[in-house]
N, C-alpha and C. Protein backbone atom coordinates (compact mmCIF):
# COMPACT_ATOMS: atom_id res chain seq x y z
N MET A 1 0.85 -1.17 0.00
CA MET A 1 0.00 0.00 0.00
C MET A 1 0.90 1.23 0.00
N ASN A 2 0.64 2.14 -0.94
CA ASN A 2 1.42 3.37 -1.05
C ASN A 2 0.48 4.56 -0.94
N PHE A 3 0.98 5.64 -0.36
CA PHE A 3 0.21 6.87 -0.20
C PHE A 3 0.93 7.97 -0.97
N MET A 4 0.21 8.69 -1.84
CA MET A 4 0.76 9.82 -2.57
C MET A 4 -0.13 11.03 -2.33
N TYR A 5 0.43 12.08 -1.75
CA TYR A 5 -0.33 13.27 -1.40
C TYR A 5 0.19 14.48 -2.13
N SER A 6 -0.71 15.27 -2.70
CA SER A 6 -0.36 16.51 -3.36
C SER A 6 -0.85 17.67 -2.51
N THR A 7 0.08 18.51 -2.04
CA THR A 7 -0.33 19.67 -1.24
C THR A 7 -1.03 20.70 -2.12
N ALA A 8 -0.63 20.79 -3.38
CA ALA A 8 -1.25 21.77 -4.28
C ALA A 8 -2.72 21.46 -4.52
N ALA A 9 -3.05 20.19 -4.69
CA ALA A 9 -4.43 19.77 -4.95
C ALA A 9 -5.17 19.38 -3.68
N ASP A 10 -4.45 19.22 -2.59
CA ASP A 10 -5.00 18.68 -1.34
C ASP A 10 -5.74 17.39 -1.65
N ALA A 11 -5.02 16.48 -2.31
CA ALA A 11 -5.59 15.20 -2.72
C ALA A 11 -4.62 14.08 -2.34
N LEU A 12 -5.19 13.00 -1.89
CA LEU A 12 -4.41 11.83 -1.48
C LEU A 12 -4.82 10.65 -2.33
N TYR A 13 -3.83 9.93 -2.87
CA TYR A 13 -4.12 8.70 -3.60
C TYR A 13 -3.51 7.55 -2.81
N ILE A 14 -4.35 6.57 -2.49
CA ILE A 14 -3.91 5.37 -1.78
C ILE A 14 -3.83 4.26 -2.82
N GLU A 15 -2.62 3.87 -3.14
CA GLU A 15 -2.40 2.82 -4.13
C GLU A 15 -2.43 1.47 -3.43
N LEU A 16 -3.47 0.71 -3.67
CA LEU A 16 -3.65 -0.57 -2.99
C LEU A 16 -2.94 -1.71 -3.72
N GLU A 17 -3.03 -1.72 -5.03
CA GLU A 17 -2.47 -2.79 -5.86
C GLU A 17 -1.66 -2.16 -7.00
N PRO A 18 -0.39 -1.81 -6.75
CA PRO A 18 0.39 -1.09 -7.76
C PRO A 18 0.60 -1.85 -9.07
N GLU A 19 0.54 -3.18 -9.02
CA GLU A 19 0.81 -3.96 -10.22
C GLU A 19 -0.43 -4.12 -11.11
N LYS A 20 -1.60 -3.72 -10.65
CA LYS A 20 -2.83 -3.87 -11.43
C LYS A 20 -3.21 -2.55 -12.09
N SER A 21 -3.88 -2.66 -13.25
CA SER A 21 -4.31 -1.46 -13.96
C SER A 21 -5.77 -1.15 -13.66
N VAL A 22 -6.11 0.10 -13.84
CA VAL A 22 -7.45 0.59 -13.54
C VAL A 22 -8.36 0.35 -14.75
N ALA A 23 -9.50 -0.29 -14.51
CA ALA A 23 -10.48 -0.52 -15.57
C ALA A 23 -11.60 0.52 -15.53
N ARG A 24 -11.96 0.94 -14.30
CA ARG A 24 -13.00 1.96 -14.16
C ARG A 24 -12.90 2.60 -12.78
N THR A 25 -13.57 3.72 -12.62
CA THR A 25 -13.57 4.46 -11.36
C THR A 25 -15.00 4.61 -10.86
N VAL A 26 -15.19 4.38 -9.57
CA VAL A 26 -16.50 4.50 -8.93
C VAL A 26 -16.45 5.68 -7.96
N GLU A 27 -17.48 6.52 -8.00
CA GLU A 27 -17.57 7.64 -7.06
C GLU A 27 -18.35 7.21 -5.83
N ILE A 28 -17.67 7.18 -4.69
CA ILE A 28 -18.32 6.88 -3.42
C ILE A 28 -19.00 8.13 -2.89
N SER A 29 -18.33 9.26 -3.06
CA SER A 29 -18.86 10.58 -2.72
C SER A 29 -18.11 11.56 -3.63
N PRO A 30 -18.50 12.83 -3.65
CA PRO A 30 -17.77 13.78 -4.49
C PRO A 30 -16.29 13.91 -4.11
N ARG A 31 -15.93 13.50 -2.90
CA ARG A 31 -14.54 13.60 -2.45
C ARG A 31 -13.84 12.26 -2.32
N CYS A 32 -14.49 11.19 -2.72
CA CYS A 32 -13.89 9.85 -2.59
C CYS A 32 -14.17 9.02 -3.84
N LEU A 33 -13.10 8.67 -4.55
CA LEU A 33 -13.20 7.88 -5.78
C LEU A 33 -12.40 6.60 -5.60
N VAL A 34 -12.94 5.50 -6.11
CA VAL A 34 -12.26 4.22 -6.00
C VAL A 34 -11.97 3.70 -7.41
N ASP A 35 -10.70 3.41 -7.69
CA ASP A 35 -10.30 2.81 -8.95
C ASP A 35 -10.41 1.30 -8.82
N LEU A 36 -11.06 0.67 -9.82
CA LEU A 36 -11.26 -0.78 -9.80
C LEU A 36 -10.54 -1.43 -10.97
N ASP A 37 -10.13 -2.69 -10.78
CA ASP A 37 -9.55 -3.45 -11.88
C ASP A 37 -10.67 -4.12 -12.66
N GLU A 38 -10.32 -4.97 -13.61
CA GLU A 38 -11.32 -5.63 -14.44
C GLU A 38 -12.22 -6.58 -13.65
N ALA A 39 -11.76 -7.05 -12.49
CA ALA A 39 -12.56 -7.94 -11.64
C ALA A 39 -13.37 -7.14 -10.61
N ASP A 40 -13.43 -5.82 -10.79
CA ASP A 40 -14.13 -4.91 -9.86
C ASP A 40 -13.58 -4.95 -8.45
N GLN A 41 -12.28 -5.14 -8.33
CA GLN A 41 -11.60 -5.08 -7.04
C GLN A 41 -10.82 -3.78 -6.96
N PRO A 42 -10.80 -3.12 -5.81
CA PRO A 42 -10.11 -1.84 -5.67
C PRO A 42 -8.60 -1.95 -5.88
N VAL A 43 -8.07 -1.04 -6.69
CA VAL A 43 -6.63 -0.93 -6.88
C VAL A 43 -6.11 0.39 -6.34
N GLY A 44 -7.02 1.35 -6.11
CA GLY A 44 -6.62 2.64 -5.57
C GLY A 44 -7.81 3.45 -5.11
N ILE A 45 -7.54 4.36 -4.18
CA ILE A 45 -8.58 5.23 -3.63
C ILE A 45 -8.05 6.66 -3.66
N GLU A 46 -8.85 7.58 -4.20
CA GLU A 46 -8.47 8.99 -4.18
C GLU A 46 -9.37 9.73 -3.21
N LEU A 47 -8.76 10.49 -2.32
CA LEU A 47 -9.49 11.33 -1.37
C LEU A 47 -9.17 12.78 -1.66
N ILE A 48 -10.18 13.55 -2.01
CA ILE A 48 -10.02 14.98 -2.22
C ILE A 48 -10.26 15.64 -0.86
N HIS A 49 -9.35 16.49 -0.44
CA HIS A 49 -9.40 17.09 0.90
C HIS A 49 -9.46 15.97 1.95
N PRO A 50 -8.40 15.17 2.06
CA PRO A 50 -8.43 14.00 2.94
C PRO A 50 -8.72 14.30 4.40
N SER A 51 -8.45 15.52 4.84
CA SER A 51 -8.74 15.84 6.24
C SER A 51 -10.24 15.79 6.52
N ARG A 52 -11.04 15.97 5.46
CA ARG A 52 -12.50 15.91 5.62
C ARG A 52 -13.10 14.66 5.01
N SER A 53 -12.50 14.12 3.96
CA SER A 53 -13.11 13.00 3.24
C SER A 53 -12.68 11.64 3.75
N TYR A 54 -11.76 11.57 4.70
CA TYR A 54 -11.29 10.27 5.18
C TYR A 54 -12.43 9.44 5.78
N VAL A 55 -13.48 10.08 6.27
CA VAL A 55 -14.62 9.34 6.83
C VAL A 55 -15.32 8.50 5.77
N ASP A 56 -15.18 8.88 4.49
CA ASP A 56 -15.78 8.10 3.41
C ASP A 56 -15.13 6.72 3.27
N LEU A 57 -13.95 6.55 3.85
CA LEU A 57 -13.30 5.24 3.79
C LEU A 57 -14.13 4.15 4.48
N THR A 58 -14.93 4.53 5.45
CA THR A 58 -15.79 3.53 6.10
C THR A 58 -16.78 2.95 5.09
N LYS A 59 -17.25 3.77 4.15
CA LYS A 59 -18.13 3.29 3.08
C LYS A 59 -17.39 2.34 2.16
N VAL A 60 -16.14 2.69 1.84
CA VAL A 60 -15.33 1.86 0.95
C VAL A 60 -15.09 0.50 1.59
N VAL A 61 -14.70 0.49 2.86
CA VAL A 61 -14.42 -0.76 3.57
C VAL A 61 -15.70 -1.59 3.75
N ALA A 62 -16.85 -0.92 3.82
CA ALA A 62 -18.11 -1.66 3.93
C ALA A 62 -18.46 -2.37 2.62
N ILE A 63 -18.02 -1.82 1.50
CA ILE A 63 -18.32 -2.42 0.19
C ILE A 63 -17.31 -3.51 -0.16
N TRP A 64 -16.01 -3.23 0.06
CA TRP A 64 -14.95 -4.16 -0.28
C TRP A 64 -14.18 -4.55 0.97
N PRO A 65 -13.83 -5.83 1.10
CA PRO A 65 -13.05 -6.25 2.27
C PRO A 65 -11.59 -5.81 2.14
N LEU A 66 -11.27 -4.67 2.70
CA LEU A 66 -9.92 -4.11 2.61
C LEU A 66 -9.26 -4.13 3.98
N ASN A 67 -7.98 -3.90 3.96
CA ASN A 67 -7.19 -3.86 5.17
C ASN A 67 -7.75 -2.80 6.13
N PRO A 68 -8.09 -3.17 7.35
CA PRO A 68 -8.63 -2.20 8.30
C PRO A 68 -7.63 -1.09 8.65
N TYR A 69 -6.36 -1.28 8.32
CA TYR A 69 -5.34 -0.24 8.52
C TYR A 69 -5.74 1.05 7.82
N LEU A 70 -6.50 0.93 6.73
CA LEU A 70 -6.95 2.12 6.02
C LEU A 70 -7.70 3.09 6.93
N LEU A 71 -8.45 2.55 7.87
CA LEU A 71 -9.24 3.39 8.77
C LEU A 71 -8.43 3.96 9.92
N ALA A 72 -7.25 3.40 10.17
CA ALA A 72 -6.44 3.83 11.30
C ALA A 72 -5.43 4.91 10.94
N PHE A 73 -5.11 5.08 9.66
CA PHE A 73 -4.10 6.04 9.25
C PHE A 73 -4.60 7.46 9.52
N PRO A 74 -3.75 8.38 9.97
CA PRO A 74 -4.19 9.74 10.33
C PRO A 74 -4.35 10.66 9.13
N TYR A 75 -5.39 10.45 8.33
CA TYR A 75 -5.62 11.25 7.13
C TYR A 75 -5.85 12.73 7.46
N GLN A 76 -6.36 13.00 8.66
CA GLN A 76 -6.62 14.37 9.06
C GLN A 76 -5.37 15.23 9.03
N SER A 77 -4.20 14.61 9.14
CA SER A 77 -2.96 15.37 9.23
C SER A 77 -2.37 15.71 7.87
N PHE A 78 -2.93 15.22 6.77
CA PHE A 78 -2.30 15.45 5.48
C PHE A 78 -2.19 16.92 5.06
N PRO A 79 -3.16 17.79 5.27
CA PRO A 79 -2.97 19.18 4.84
C PRO A 79 -1.77 19.86 5.50
N SER A 80 -1.40 19.46 6.68
CA SER A 80 -0.26 20.09 7.35
C SER A 80 0.99 19.24 7.25
N LEU A 81 0.99 18.28 6.36
CA LEU A 81 2.09 17.33 6.28
C LEU A 81 3.31 17.96 5.60
N HIS A 82 4.31 18.26 6.38
CA HIS A 82 5.57 18.76 5.85
C HIS A 82 6.72 18.04 6.54
N ARG A 83 6.40 16.93 7.16
CA ARG A 83 7.40 16.15 7.88
C ARG A 83 7.30 14.72 7.41
N SER A 84 8.23 13.92 7.80
CA SER A 84 8.20 12.53 7.37
C SER A 84 7.08 11.78 8.08
N VAL A 85 6.53 10.84 7.39
CA VAL A 85 5.46 10.01 7.92
C VAL A 85 5.90 8.58 7.74
N SER A 86 5.70 7.76 8.73
CA SER A 86 6.05 6.36 8.57
C SER A 86 4.78 5.53 8.57
N ALA A 87 4.75 4.55 7.72
CA ALA A 87 3.62 3.63 7.65
C ALA A 87 4.22 2.26 7.38
N THR A 88 3.96 1.33 8.22
CA THR A 88 4.55 0.01 8.11
C THR A 88 4.25 -0.60 6.75
N GLY A 89 5.29 -0.97 6.04
CA GLY A 89 5.15 -1.61 4.74
C GLY A 89 4.60 -0.69 3.67
N SER A 90 4.70 0.61 3.84
CA SER A 90 4.13 1.55 2.89
C SER A 90 5.15 2.61 2.51
N ARG A 91 4.84 3.32 1.45
CA ARG A 91 5.65 4.45 1.02
C ARG A 91 4.74 5.66 1.00
N VAL A 92 5.22 6.78 1.47
CA VAL A 92 4.45 8.02 1.41
C VAL A 92 5.22 8.98 0.54
N GLU A 93 4.55 9.54 -0.45
CA GLU A 93 5.16 10.56 -1.30
C GLU A 93 4.35 11.83 -1.11
N VAL A 94 5.05 12.92 -0.85
CA VAL A 94 4.37 14.19 -0.68
C VAL A 94 4.92 15.17 -1.72
N GLU A 95 4.02 15.69 -2.54
CA GLU A 95 4.40 16.65 -3.55
C GLU A 95 4.13 18.04 -3.00
N HIS A 96 5.14 18.88 -2.97
CA HIS A 96 4.98 20.23 -2.43
C HIS A 96 5.81 21.19 -3.28
N GLY A 97 5.14 21.99 -4.07
CA GLY A 97 5.84 22.98 -4.88
C GLY A 97 6.83 22.36 -5.85
N GLY A 98 6.46 21.27 -6.47
CA GLY A 98 7.34 20.62 -7.43
C GLY A 98 8.31 19.65 -6.78
N ALA A 99 8.49 19.72 -5.48
CA ALA A 99 9.39 18.79 -4.79
C ALA A 99 8.59 17.60 -4.29
N GLU A 100 9.23 16.52 -4.12
CA GLU A 100 8.55 15.32 -3.65
C GLU A 100 9.29 14.74 -2.47
N LEU A 101 8.58 14.36 -1.45
CA LEU A 101 9.17 13.70 -0.29
C LEU A 101 8.73 12.26 -0.32
N LYS A 102 9.68 11.36 -0.27
CA LYS A 102 9.36 9.93 -0.25
C LYS A 102 9.84 9.35 1.05
N VAL A 103 8.97 8.64 1.70
CA VAL A 103 9.32 8.00 2.96
C VAL A 103 9.02 6.52 2.82
N SER A 104 9.97 5.70 3.14
CA SER A 104 9.75 4.25 3.06
C SER A 104 9.50 3.69 4.42
């Protein structure tokens, strides 16, 4: 699972299955989009304004059996994220003014 956050767009993309391609996108809410593969399984989740839209993840987890870790991550902190973030087994990339921060 990888997290990519853009400070310019205030958008977070959670890459669940990096090796799979996106076949279609489903709108859970105006601020939460889920990318699905050809088998209709989630490969990624986009949260617009994650500090407010992270609650929509409960809807996503109710539809698809995903790692409950998704609900535990502190999405509320993304707008102020200018420091390193650690996530077990994950990579976080933060785009800020053309620069990117990668944390493994």
